[in-house]
Structures are given as C-alpha cells and as structure tokens.
Protein backbone atom coordinates (compact mmCIF):
# COMPACT_ATOMS: atom_id res chain seq x y z
CA UNK A 1 -66.10 41.11 13.74
CA UNK A 2 -62.76 40.29 15.33
CA UNK A 3 -63.14 40.86 19.03
CA UNK A 4 -60.13 41.34 21.29
CA UNK A 5 -59.75 42.44 24.89
CA UNK A 6 -59.57 46.14 24.13
CA UNK A 7 -61.44 46.70 20.89
CA UNK A 8 -63.77 45.30 18.29
CA UNK A 9 -62.27 45.47 14.82
CA UNK A 10 -64.46 45.02 11.71
CA UNK A 11 -63.27 42.24 9.42
CA UNK A 12 -64.30 41.00 6.00
CA UNK A 13 -62.72 37.59 6.51
CA UNK A 14 -64.38 34.78 4.62
CA UNK A 15 -61.80 32.06 5.20
CA UNK A 16 -59.55 30.51 7.78
CA UNK A 17 -56.63 32.27 6.10
CA UNK A 18 -58.16 35.63 6.93
CA UNK A 19 -58.76 34.49 10.49
CA UNK A 20 -55.07 33.71 10.91
CA UNK A 21 -54.05 37.07 9.48
CA UNK A 22 -56.41 38.95 11.77
CA UNK A 23 -55.10 37.16 14.84
CA UNK A 24 -51.57 37.85 13.63
CA UNK A 25 -52.30 41.56 13.31
CA UNK A 26 -53.73 41.56 16.82
CA UNK A 27 -50.68 39.95 18.40
CA UNK A 28 -47.62 40.75 16.32
CA UNK A 29 -48.45 44.42 15.75
CA UNK A 30 -49.24 44.75 19.44
CA UNK A 31 -52.39 46.65 18.55
CA UNK A 32 -54.42 45.14 21.38
CA UNK A 33 -51.66 44.40 23.86
CA UNK A 34 -51.27 45.80 27.36
CA UNK A 35 -51.75 49.50 26.74
CA UNK A 36 -49.01 51.96 27.74
CA UNK A 37 -50.06 53.73 30.90
CA UNK A 38 -48.01 56.87 30.59
CA UNK A 39 -48.63 58.93 33.66
CA UNK A 40 -49.61 56.14 36.01
CA UNK A 41 -47.94 53.12 37.52
CA UNK A 42 -48.84 49.82 35.90
CA UNK A 43 -51.32 47.84 37.94
CA UNK A 44 -50.11 44.94 40.01
CA UNK A 45 -51.52 42.05 38.04
CA UNK A 46 -50.36 39.03 36.12
CA UNK A 47 -49.57 39.30 32.44
CA UNK A 48 -52.66 39.69 30.28
CA UNK A 49 -53.26 36.92 27.77
CA UNK A 50 -53.63 37.65 24.09
CA UNK A 51 -57.33 37.12 23.92
CA UNK A 52 -58.50 36.63 20.38
CA UNK A 53 -62.16 35.97 20.67
CA UNK A 54 -65.07 36.24 18.28
CA UNK A 55 -63.71 35.70 14.72
CA UNK A 56 -65.26 34.66 11.44
CA UNK A 57 -66.49 31.10 11.60
CA UNK A 58 -66.36 28.22 9.22
CA UNK A 59 -70.13 28.59 8.75
CA UNK A 60 -69.72 32.14 7.48
CA UNK A 61 -67.36 30.82 4.84
CA UNK A 62 -69.97 28.36 3.64
CA UNK A 63 -72.65 31.04 3.63
CA UNK A 64 -70.60 33.41 1.50
CA UNK A 65 -69.80 30.63 -0.95
CA UNK A 66 -73.48 29.74 -1.42
CA UNK A 67 -74.42 33.31 -2.28
CA UNK A 68 -72.71 32.98 -5.65
CA UNK A 69 -74.35 29.61 -6.40
CA UNK A 70 -77.78 29.20 -8.04
CA UNK A 71 -80.54 29.50 -5.45
CA UNK A 72 -82.22 26.41 -6.78
CA UNK A 73 -79.24 24.30 -5.77
CA UNK A 74 -80.40 24.22 -2.14
CA UNK A 75 -83.79 24.21 -0.46
CA UNK A 76 -84.77 27.55 1.14
CA UNK A 77 -85.03 25.85 4.54
CA UNK A 78 -81.31 25.06 4.50
CA UNK A 79 -80.44 28.75 4.48
CA UNK A 80 -82.66 29.41 7.46
CA UNK A 81 -81.07 26.56 9.41
CA UNK A 82 -77.58 27.76 8.54
CA UNK A 83 -78.36 31.35 9.57
CA UNK A 84 -79.78 30.12 12.86
CA UNK A 85 -76.71 27.97 13.52
CA UNK A 86 -74.39 30.83 12.64
CA UNK A 87 -76.28 33.24 14.87
CA UNK A 88 -76.20 30.77 17.75
CA UNK A 89 -72.45 30.27 17.31
CA UNK A 90 -71.68 33.98 17.34
CA UNK A 91 -73.98 34.57 20.30
CA UNK A 92 -72.33 31.79 22.29
CA UNK A 93 -68.85 33.09 21.45
CA UNK A 94 -69.86 36.57 22.56
CA UNK A 95 -71.36 35.27 25.79
CA UNK A 96 -68.27 33.16 26.52
CA UNK A 97 -66.02 36.15 25.90
CA UNK A 98 -68.04 38.26 28.33
CA UNK A 99 -67.86 35.50 30.92
CA UNK A 100 -64.06 35.41 30.55
CA UNK A 101 -63.86 39.18 30.95
CA UNK A 102 -65.89 38.86 34.15
CA UNK A 103 -63.65 36.02 35.38
CA UNK A 104 -66.62 33.64 35.37
CA UNK A 105 -64.48 30.75 34.19
CA UNK A 106 -67.03 28.00 34.85
CA UNK A 107 -69.66 29.71 32.71
CA UNK A 108 -67.12 30.41 30.00
CA UNK A 109 -66.12 26.76 30.00
CA UNK A 110 -69.70 25.54 29.58
CA UNK A 111 -70.33 28.02 26.76
CA UNK A 112 -67.06 27.12 25.03
CA UNK A 113 -68.07 23.45 25.09
CA UNK A 114 -71.31 24.34 23.32
CA UNK A 115 -69.32 26.34 20.75
CA UNK A 116 -67.06 23.36 20.12
CA UNK A 117 -70.09 21.09 19.60
CA UNK A 118 -71.45 23.50 16.97
CA UNK A 119 -68.14 24.09 15.16
CA UNK A 120 -65.41 21.75 16.42
CA UNK A 121 -63.03 22.48 13.53
CA UNK A 122 -63.49 26.24 13.43
CA UNK A 123 -60.23 28.05 14.39
CA UNK A 124 -62.13 30.68 16.37
CA UNK A 125 -63.86 27.97 18.39
CA UNK A 126 -60.56 26.22 19.08
CA UNK A 127 -58.89 29.46 20.07
CA UNK A 128 -61.78 30.26 22.42
CA UNK A 129 -61.63 26.88 24.13
CA UNK A 130 -57.86 27.13 24.47
CA UNK A 131 -58.26 30.53 26.11
CA UNK A 132 -60.75 29.08 28.56
CA UNK A 133 -58.28 26.31 29.40
CA UNK A 134 -55.60 28.96 29.90
CA UNK A 135 -57.80 30.91 32.30
CA UNK A 136 -58.42 27.74 34.26
CA UNK A 137 -54.62 27.20 34.47
CA UNK A 138 -54.85 24.14 32.27
CA UNK A 139 -51.84 25.37 30.32
CA UNK A 140 -50.57 22.08 28.83
CA UNK A 141 -53.99 21.38 27.28
CA UNK A 142 -54.34 24.95 26.02
CA UNK A 143 -50.88 24.91 24.47
CA UNK A 144 -51.46 21.52 22.86
CA UNK A 145 -54.74 22.71 21.31
CA UNK A 146 -53.15 25.77 19.73
CA UNK A 147 -50.06 23.92 18.57
CA UNK A 148 -52.35 21.51 16.70
CA UNK A 149 -54.26 24.48 15.29
CA UNK A 150 -51.02 25.97 13.98
CA UNK A 151 -50.27 22.72 12.14
CA UNK A 152 -53.69 22.61 10.45
CA UNK A 153 -53.95 26.38 9.92
CA UNK A 154 -50.51 27.72 8.96
CA UNK A 155 -51.66 31.35 8.97
CA UNK A 156 -52.41 31.01 12.69
CA UNK A 157 -48.82 29.98 13.51
CA UNK A 158 -47.53 33.38 14.64
CA UNK A 159 -50.46 34.32 16.90
CA UNK A 160 -50.31 30.78 18.31
CA UNK A 161 -46.62 31.28 19.10
CA UNK A 162 -47.41 34.51 20.90
CA UNK A 163 -50.31 33.20 22.95
CA UNK A 164 -48.63 29.94 23.89
CA UNK A 165 -45.40 31.78 24.82
CA UNK A 166 -47.36 33.85 27.32
CA UNK A 167 -48.89 30.73 28.80
CA UNK A 168 -45.46 29.12 29.01
CA UNK A 169 -44.25 32.07 31.09
CA UNK A 170 -47.15 31.50 33.49
CA UNK A 171 -46.52 27.75 33.48
CA UNK A 172 -42.82 28.19 34.30
CA UNK A 173 -41.45 27.00 30.94
CA UNK A 174 -39.37 30.15 30.53
CA UNK A 175 -36.81 28.87 28.03
CA UNK A 176 -39.52 27.58 25.73
CA UNK A 177 -41.39 30.88 26.05
CA UNK A 178 -38.29 32.87 25.17
CA UNK A 179 -37.64 30.67 22.14
CA UNK A 180 -41.16 31.28 20.83
CA UNK A 181 -40.94 35.03 21.41
CA UNK A 182 -37.59 35.12 19.61
CA UNK A 183 -39.11 33.22 16.67
CA UNK A 184 -41.82 35.86 16.48
CA UNK A 185 -39.23 38.65 16.43
CA UNK A 186 -37.35 36.99 13.59
CA UNK A 187 -40.46 37.22 11.43
CA UNK A 188 -41.81 40.50 12.83
CA UNK A 189 -38.89 42.54 14.27
CA UNK A 190 -41.10 45.53 15.01
CA UNK A 191 -43.64 43.63 17.12
CA UNK A 192 -44.03 45.92 20.11
CA UNK A 193 -45.81 43.42 22.29
CA UNK A 194 -43.09 40.82 21.81
CA UNK A 195 -40.37 43.29 22.81
CA UNK A 196 -42.43 44.11 25.90
CA UNK A 197 -42.89 40.46 26.85
CA UNK A 198 -39.19 39.68 26.40
CA UNK A 199 -38.11 42.76 28.36
CA UNK A 200 -40.29 41.71 31.28
CA UNK A 201 -39.09 38.11 31.12
CA UNK A 202 -35.43 39.22 31.10
CA UNK A 203 -35.98 41.63 34.00
CA UNK A 204 -37.43 38.78 36.03
CA UNK A 205 -34.40 36.63 35.19
CA UNK A 206 -31.96 39.43 36.05
CA UNK A 207 -30.69 39.57 32.45
CA UNK A 208 -30.34 43.32 32.64
CA UNK A 209 -28.48 44.12 29.42
CA UNK A 210 -30.89 42.07 27.31
CA UNK A 211 -33.86 43.67 29.04
CA UNK A 212 -32.40 47.12 28.36
CA UNK A 213 -32.05 46.34 24.67
CA UNK A 214 -35.77 45.59 24.34
CA UNK A 215 -36.77 48.52 26.54
CA UNK A 216 -34.76 50.87 24.34
CA UNK A 217 -36.54 49.45 21.30
CA UNK A 218 -39.89 50.21 22.94
CA UNK A 219 -38.61 53.71 23.64
CA UNK A 220 -37.71 54.29 20.00
CA UNK A 221 -41.01 52.81 18.84
CA UNK A 222 -42.84 55.36 20.99
CA UNK A 223 -44.74 52.72 22.98
CA UNK A 224 -43.33 52.50 26.49
CA UNK A 225 -44.88 52.58 29.95
CA UNK A 226 -43.73 54.60 32.93
CA UNK A 227 -42.75 51.40 34.76
CA UNK A 228 -40.54 50.44 31.82
CA UNK A 229 -38.97 53.90 31.78
CA UNK A 230 -38.05 53.37 35.42
CA UNK A 231 -36.41 50.06 34.48
CA UNK A 232 -34.27 52.00 31.99
CA UNK A 233 -33.19 54.42 34.72
CA UNK A 234 -31.96 51.40 36.69
CA UNK A 235 -30.18 49.74 33.77
CA UNK A 236 -32.76 47.01 33.18
CA UNK A 237 -33.38 46.34 36.87
CA UNK A 238 -36.48 46.95 38.99
CA UNK A 239 -36.43 49.61 41.68
CA UNK A 240 -37.23 48.71 45.27
CA UNK A 241 -40.92 49.52 45.04
CA UNK A 242 -41.34 47.67 41.76
CA UNK A 243 -39.96 44.39 43.11
CA UNK A 244 -43.29 43.81 44.87
CA UNK A 245 -45.23 43.60 41.59
CA UNK A 246 -46.54 40.10 40.91
CA UNK A 247 -45.75 40.27 37.20
CA UNK A 248 -42.11 41.01 38.05
CA UNK A 249 -41.56 38.09 40.43
CA UNK A 250 -37.92 36.96 40.08
CA UNK A 251 -36.95 33.84 38.18
CA UNK A 252 -33.89 31.75 38.99
CA UNK A 253 -30.83 32.42 41.13
CA UNK A 254 -29.65 35.41 39.13
CA UNK A 255 -33.09 36.98 39.10
CA UNK A 256 -33.45 36.59 42.88
CA UNK A 257 -29.96 38.02 43.44
CA UNK A 258 -30.67 41.09 41.30
CA UNK A 259 -33.92 41.64 43.18
CA UNK A 260 -32.17 41.45 46.55
CA UNK A 261 -29.62 44.00 45.35
CA UNK A 262 -32.45 46.20 44.04
CA UNK A 263 -33.89 46.23 47.55
CA UNK A 264 -30.51 47.10 49.06
CA UNK A 265 -30.16 43.66 50.66
CA UNK A 266 -26.49 43.23 49.73
CA UNK A 267 -25.52 41.00 52.66
CA UNK A 268 -28.49 38.72 52.02
CA UNK A 269 -27.56 38.47 48.34
CA UNK A 270 -23.97 37.52 49.20
CA UNK A 271 -25.01 35.00 51.85
CA UNK A 272 -27.39 33.23 49.48
CA UNK A 273 -24.87 33.15 46.63
CA UNK A 274 -22.03 31.86 48.78
CA UNK A 275 -24.28 29.17 50.27
CA UNK A 276 -24.82 27.57 46.87
CA UNK A 277 -22.94 24.33 46.23
CA UNK A 278 -22.88 25.10 42.52
CA UNK A 279 -22.90 28.80 41.70
CA UNK A 280 -24.26 29.71 38.25
CA UNK A 281 -21.56 31.38 36.17
CA UNK A 282 -23.81 34.33 35.36
CA UNK A 283 -23.96 35.26 39.07
CA UNK A 284 -20.17 35.58 39.47
CA UNK A 285 -19.91 39.19 38.26
CA UNK A 286 -22.78 40.11 40.60
CA UNK A 287 -20.91 38.55 43.52
CA UNK A 288 -17.83 40.60 42.62
CA UNK A 289 -19.91 43.78 42.64
CA UNK A 290 -21.36 42.81 46.02
CA UNK A 291 -17.83 42.51 47.44
CA UNK A 292 -17.04 46.01 46.12
CA UNK A 293 -20.21 47.47 47.60
CA UNK A 294 -19.53 45.87 50.98
CA UNK A 295 -15.89 47.03 50.81
CA UNK A 296 -14.69 43.48 51.40
CA UNK A 297 -11.25 43.77 49.77
CA UNK A 298 -10.09 40.33 50.81
CA UNK A 299 -13.09 38.62 49.22
CA UNK A 300 -12.76 40.87 46.17
CA UNK A 301 -9.13 39.86 45.73
CA UNK A 302 -10.02 36.17 45.94
CA UNK A 303 -12.88 36.75 43.50
CA UNK A 304 -10.52 38.51 41.09
CA UNK A 305 -8.08 35.61 41.12
CA UNK A 306 -10.92 33.29 40.20
CA UNK A 307 -12.04 35.71 37.47
CA UNK A 308 -8.52 35.68 35.98
CA UNK A 309 -8.69 31.90 35.72
CA UNK A 310 -12.02 32.12 33.91
CA UNK A 311 -10.51 34.63 31.44
CA UNK A 312 -13.89 35.99 30.42
CA UNK A 313 -14.23 38.99 28.14
CA UNK A 314 -17.78 39.66 29.31
CA UNK A 315 -17.97 43.43 30.09
CA UNK A 316 -20.23 42.69 33.06
CA UNK A 317 -17.08 41.53 34.89
CA UNK A 318 -15.26 44.80 34.18
CA UNK A 319 -16.42 46.84 37.17
CA UNK A 320 -15.38 44.46 39.99
CA UNK A 321 -12.12 43.68 38.16
CA UNK A 322 -11.43 47.41 37.88
CA UNK A 323 -12.17 47.92 41.56
CA UNK A 324 -9.60 45.29 42.45
CA UNK A 325 -6.97 46.94 40.20
CA UNK A 326 -7.72 50.31 41.79
CA UNK A 327 -7.23 48.80 45.27
CA UNK A 328 -3.82 47.56 44.09
CA UNK A 329 -2.91 51.02 42.79
CA UNK A 330 -3.07 50.04 39.11
CA UNK A 331 -5.37 52.85 38.03
CA UNK A 332 -4.46 52.69 34.33
CA UNK A 333 -5.79 49.13 34.12
CA UNK A 334 -8.76 50.22 36.21
CA UNK A 335 -9.60 53.09 33.83
CA UNK A 336 -9.49 50.80 30.81
CA UNK A 337 -11.88 48.34 32.42
CA UNK A 338 -14.17 51.08 33.72
CA UNK A 339 -14.53 52.46 30.21
CA UNK A 340 -15.74 49.01 29.17
CA UNK A 341 -18.11 48.97 32.13
CA UNK A 342 -19.83 52.29 31.31
CA UNK A 343 -20.08 51.41 27.62
CA UNK A 344 -21.82 48.22 28.70
CA UNK A 345 -24.15 50.06 31.10
CA UNK A 346 -24.47 53.85 30.91
CA UNK A 347 -26.49 53.83 34.14
CA UNK A 348 -23.65 52.33 36.21
CA UNK A 349 -23.13 55.18 38.69
CA UNK A 350 -20.65 53.15 40.76
CA UNK A 351 -18.45 52.67 37.70
CA UNK A 352 -18.44 56.42 37.04
CA UNK A 353 -17.58 57.16 40.66
CA UNK A 354 -14.62 54.81 40.58
CA UNK A 355 -13.63 56.07 37.11
CA UNK A 356 -13.44 59.60 38.50
CA UNK A 357 -11.12 58.48 41.31
CA UNK A 358 -8.81 56.49 39.01
CA UNK A 359 -8.66 59.28 36.41
CA UNK A 360 -7.58 61.69 39.11
CA UNK A 361 -4.89 59.21 40.14
CA UNK A 362 -3.48 59.14 36.57
CA UNK A 363 -3.47 62.95 36.38
CA UNK A 364 -6.53 63.41 34.17
CA UNK A 365 -8.36 66.03 36.28
CA UNK A 366 -10.74 67.31 33.59
CA UNK A 367 -11.98 63.86 32.67
CA UNK A 368 -12.14 62.98 36.37
CA UNK A 369 -14.38 65.97 36.98
CA UNK A 370 -16.66 64.92 34.10
CA UNK A 371 -16.93 61.36 35.42
CA UNK A 372 -17.81 62.70 38.88
CA UNK A 373 -20.55 64.80 37.28
CA UNK A 374 -21.94 61.72 35.52
CA UNK A 375 -21.97 59.86 38.83
CA UNK A 376 -24.03 62.64 40.42
CA UNK A 377 -26.48 62.92 37.50
CA UNK A 378 -27.09 59.17 37.28
CA UNK A 379 -27.40 58.83 41.05
CA UNK A 380 -30.01 61.59 41.03
CA UNK A 381 -32.05 59.99 38.23
CA UNK A 382 -32.02 56.68 40.08
CA UNK A 383 -32.97 58.32 43.36
CA UNK A 384 -36.01 59.86 41.65
CA UNK A 385 -36.85 56.54 40.01
CA UNK A 386 -36.71 54.78 43.36
CA UNK A 387 -38.99 57.40 44.92
CA UNK A 388 -41.53 56.99 42.09
CA UNK A 389 -41.51 53.23 42.57
CA UNK A 390 -42.51 53.74 46.20
CA UNK A 391 -44.91 56.66 45.80
CA UNK A 392 -47.61 57.34 43.22
CA UNK A 393 -47.45 61.10 43.70
CA UNK A 394 -45.55 62.99 40.98
CA UNK A 395 -44.03 66.41 41.52
CA UNK A 396 -43.74 68.47 38.34
CA UNK A 397 -40.48 70.12 39.42
CA UNK A 398 -38.86 66.72 40.02
CA UNK A 399 -39.98 65.48 36.61
CA UNK A 400 -38.43 68.59 35.04
CA UNK A 401 -35.19 67.87 36.90
CA UNK A 402 -35.23 64.24 35.74
CA UNK A 403 -35.72 65.31 32.12
CA UNK A 404 -32.87 67.83 32.35
CA UNK A 405 -30.55 65.21 33.83
CA UNK A 406 -31.32 62.77 31.03
CA UNK A 407 -30.64 65.47 28.47
CA UNK A 408 -27.24 66.13 30.06
CA UNK A 409 -26.56 62.39 29.98
CA UNK A 410 -27.39 62.36 26.26
CA UNK A 411 -30.31 59.95 26.59
CA UNK A 412 -32.83 61.78 24.37
CA UNK A 413 -35.39 59.00 23.88
CA UNK A 414 -35.86 58.53 27.60
CA UNK A 415 -36.02 62.27 28.10
CA UNK A 416 -38.70 62.56 25.40
CA UNK A 417 -40.95 59.95 27.01
CA UNK A 418 -40.52 61.41 30.48
CA UNK A 419 -41.79 64.65 28.93
CA UNK A 420 -44.85 62.64 27.93
CA UNK A 421 -45.20 61.36 31.49
CA UNK A 422 -44.95 64.92 32.75
CA UNK A 423 -47.66 66.07 30.32
CA UNK A 424 -49.98 63.25 31.39
CA UNK A 425 -49.62 64.04 35.08
CA UNK A 426 -49.94 67.78 34.48
CA UNK A 427 -53.22 67.17 32.65
CA UNK A 428 -54.49 65.05 35.52
CA UNK A 429 -53.23 67.21 38.40
CA UNK A 430 -53.79 70.61 36.79
CA UNK A 431 -50.23 71.49 37.75
CA UNK A 432 -49.69 73.49 34.56
CA UNK A 433 -51.76 76.21 32.90
CA UNK A 434 -53.35 75.54 29.52
CA UNK A 435 -50.70 77.64 27.80
CA UNK A 436 -47.96 75.65 29.53
CA UNK A 437 -49.63 72.38 28.55
CA UNK A 438 -49.89 73.48 24.93
CA UNK A 439 -46.26 74.58 24.92
CA UNK A 440 -45.11 71.27 26.41
CA UNK A 441 -47.17 69.26 23.92
CA UNK A 442 -45.65 71.27 21.08
CA UNK A 443 -42.13 70.66 22.40
CA UNK A 444 -42.78 66.93 22.65
CA UNK A 445 -44.02 66.82 19.06
CA UNK A 446 -41.00 68.78 17.79
CA UNK A 447 -38.53 66.60 19.70
CA UNK A 448 -40.19 63.42 18.51
CA UNK A 449 -40.12 64.57 14.89
CA UNK A 450 -36.48 65.54 15.12
CA UNK A 451 -35.43 62.27 16.73
CA UNK A 452 -37.35 60.16 14.24
CA UNK A 453 -36.03 62.12 11.27
CA UNK A 454 -32.42 62.43 12.37
CA UNK A 455 -32.07 59.26 14.40
CA UNK A 456 -29.78 59.00 17.38
CA UNK A 457 -26.48 57.21 17.72
CA UNK A 458 -24.87 57.27 21.19
CA UNK A 459 -21.50 59.00 21.30
CA UNK A 460 -19.06 56.43 22.68
CA UNK A 461 -16.47 59.12 23.47
CA UNK A 462 -19.07 61.02 25.50
CA UNK A 463 -19.95 57.85 27.42
CA UNK A 464 -16.29 57.27 28.37
CA UNK A 465 -15.75 60.93 29.30
CA UNK A 466 -13.55 61.35 26.20
CA UNK A 467 -11.05 58.75 27.38
CA UNK A 468 -9.31 56.87 24.59
CA UNK A 469 -8.72 53.48 26.18
CA UNK A 470 -6.18 52.45 23.54
CA UNK A 471 -4.04 55.50 24.23
CA UNK A 472 -3.67 54.67 27.91
CA UNK A 473 -0.39 53.09 28.91
CA UNK A 474 -0.91 49.39 29.55
CA UNK A 475 0.78 48.17 32.68
CA UNK A 476 0.21 45.93 35.62
CA UNK A 477 2.55 47.99 37.78
CA UNK A 478 1.26 50.22 40.57
CA UNK A 479 0.59 53.78 39.43
CA UNK A 480 3.34 55.26 41.61
CA UNK A 481 5.98 53.44 39.55
CA UNK A 482 4.86 55.05 36.29
CA UNK A 483 7.09 57.77 34.83
CA UNK A 484 6.07 61.27 35.89
CA UNK A 485 4.81 63.67 33.26
C-alpha cells in the first residue's frame, strides 16, 4: 500500500523503481495535494507537505524474488524471520505516519529511527525519516537526505524535487524552491500541485502577472480553490482579508509593498519604498501607481522622467506613464499605453477608468463609454471579492451578480468555477430548491463541456474596447493642438 495524507492507494510495486513512480504519481499529478475547497475559504495554515508514507519496502522485493526460487534453497525458518521483519517494518511505518498526522513529532522521530535500523537503505524508510526531520523544522537535514536518495534512486528524483521545494519555501530559500518547481513543470507541465505552489509563491512575492498565469492554468484544469479565484479577481494579488493568512505572508520588498496596497495602505507603501537606500527595480512601477492613486502629480512627473531614462518596455510601467501623459494633455499617447496596461492586466480597473477619460478627450465617445462600463464591472467584482475575504457568509444573489459580471467581461473560466462555488454554498445553505440545484449543476456541466471542447482564446480587441493602438495618431503634443475632425 502507498499511503499518503489523504488516501491509501493499492500498489503492486516490487522494486525501488515502482516506489519512485508511485511517489511521482502522488506529487506530480497532484492527486493527494491540498484539496480544492470550493465553497469554503481555505484554512489559515502553513503549506501542507507532500507526505509519502508507507511504501513497498526492500524486504518485500526480496520476498517476491524468493517465491520463484526452489523452496529447498532456503531453510523454512528464514521465511518466518523475513515475514516477521517485514511486518514489524510496515507496522512501525504505519505508527510513525499516525504520529505525524497527530503532530506527535517526538514519537514519530523515535519510530522513524527504529524503521531506519530495520531498513536503512529502503527509500520508503528514508523518505519517512526525512519527513520527520521536516516536521521538526530540520529542513537542511531533510533536504540533504532526499537529495541523496534522488542520486541513488533516479525514479524518486521528481517527487524529491517537489517535497524539497516545499521545504525550501518554509526554510526561506525561495529562489531554490522556485527553480525546483520549474524543473518539475518542464517534465510534467500539467502538474496541478506545482502550478498551485508556484502561484502561491509568486503571490507572496508580489509577482502578480506570473501568479495569474498559474492561477489561470488551475482554472482551465478544473482544480481551483475559492481563495485562488479571489486572487484572480484581484489580478494575482490578495484581498485585504486574505493578507492575514499565514501561508500568504509576504516575501521581499515587492511582496510587502503589494500587501500594503492590498490593504489600502498607500501612504505606508510609499513611505517604506522611498525610505529605501537602494530601491529594487521591480518596485518602481508600483511606486508610480502609488503616486497616481495619491494624486501626487509632482512626484509622478519626477517618476516619469526617471522611467524615460530606464527606457523599459515592461507593460507594468504603462499605467503610471499613461497617467502622466494624460496630466500633460497628451491623451493619444495615454490611450496607447493604457491599451498595453489592460492587455497586461484585464483586472486593472484604474487603467479602464483613465482609458475612458482619455478616449473621451480624443473624441471616441462610444469606446469611452465601453471603457467606463468595464471600470464599473471590474470594480464591482473586486468589491465582492474583498467582502468575501473579510466575511465567510455567501449571499446567493451576490454570487449570481459576480458570475454575470465575469460573463460580461468575457472571463468564462472564472465564471464557470464561481458557478461551482455557488452550487457548493447552495447545497450547504439550502438557498436553492432541489430543482434549482439540478438545473445549476446541469448548466455547469454544459458550460464545462463547451469550454473544454471549443477552448477559449481572449479577444484582444474586446480587452482594449476595440481600440486599434496602431491606428492612433502618434504625437507628444498636447491634445488641443491636434487637428480637429
């Protein structure tokens, strides 16, 4: 039996190779990862380890091999001794696993030591002891044990990468953890658990666009939690209520700045950034956005001059640059940059608000009206997301409104999974009749089938409110000097 945290899976493994493959299936396929909790907020707890426990032992291999040999080749007593040893090993592994589940780390440690004495070279024994070390926060020792195991047992390499990457996150070796997760994705691109781990790591670091990419993958794979759906509403950022979760504690200057902004602490974010002797380059576009939000035009102008010297083509800089152009009356340049901004982040309500104003200034009233509508729809989805982060109660009518808004914003995968959230809460709260529940379940199934069969490619023209950036007149002159239509 291959025992994991959430299930016991029968195995017919008779070799270390099979052990490695079973652990790989457990981790890379995400079969026994943190389960999606559609319909309820994820608990406030640290990341769960990948806990591969009771696997086939080296002794079992020997036993199976002797069954095909002549019985006379070994004394009958040797079989009895081997069976007893094997039984003791499995029993100790089971008992150690139970102790770990009950957070009795001292007992688990003593049992794991006995297991190692019985089978010191058995991969399952090594994995168990490494897990015990991990639970006791002895991460360097745990990582070293599994890295050695990966060298001696090549088939265990991928599950070792996954487990050690999780420990590295807890140990603060974030770059190394990311590298190991990325290696896993290269060999198993569809590994749900790895996408989940990377999304969470990037959210903590404030790397919003990269987090969004992995969250969208989870969405399309059909394995996404309500908390992660809220992150998508916020463009890969946590909402105010979610910033208190231990597993989402910010990492680095950028991560802390994004978290302050998520809590509405704009002045604090600016003060801390400006106080730095050396400001990380990836925080500069955030500082520009802070100046826009605080309506500090003088600081924004100075920021823009610095941005021009950097000459970056990173679309994250587009919104504050556009705001500065709009302040100078150059709305054509502003519109071009704002189109880049919304293509980069479709949840950027501020960019749509400013886009509406600049489009009106260049006599594009229909497109301006559409951009204003997008601003309102996105602002409403984010308001509801913020409320859900602060309150566990779910109102069916508000969920319906959220789903309708996402449909209007042409974000069908998110809309589909919020339908699933609605169904889960309705089942729990009895807010819908049985006929309504059946109808909703049928609609979810039909939508899922259609999306999976037809696929979905975002319409770039829709995102930019049907503005062709290349057709706009390029000028640095104020808008009032442009020729009248």
